[in-house]
């Protein structure tokens, strides 16, 4: 099975409106059959996002931690995978909102912004997405002025990433 087909199948499962424990098991089975360390990190992130979506926060955090361990143990893993997992984990902490989650989310968003500039550029749509998510965290924290600054920065990044004839 090729990589694109695996990702398509998992995305198909993820996009379903009702996600059950069976879907989580099916997704894990599909991804585990594909195999590389890179894919294992993606699998943990996918499983974490599925658990987050159904409200099983303990399992979601466990899967995020496993994905993070894979990335930490394999420094050669591609930076886009690491960036994606970090951004998803930051959003998980933002949404869950336990006592120290906001500080964890903020640390991850700042790390994502730094890495995003290295992997893509400061004027890339992925950078804008991280800025938007970070602004949602600041809004949840009641820091509306920072949330507004981040949102405006995200808008500017989006404008700068458009082809010249569309601005």
Foldseek 3Di string as FASTA:
>chain_A
DDPVVLVVVLVVLQPDPDHDPVSLVVNLVSQVVVPDLLSLLVNLLSSLSSCLSVPVNVSSVVSLVVSVVSCVVDVPHDLVSVLVSLLSQLLSLLVVPPDCSLVSSLVSLVVSLVSCCVVPRCLDLVNLVSLQSNLSSCVVVVNNVSSVVSNVSSVVSPVVNDPPVPD
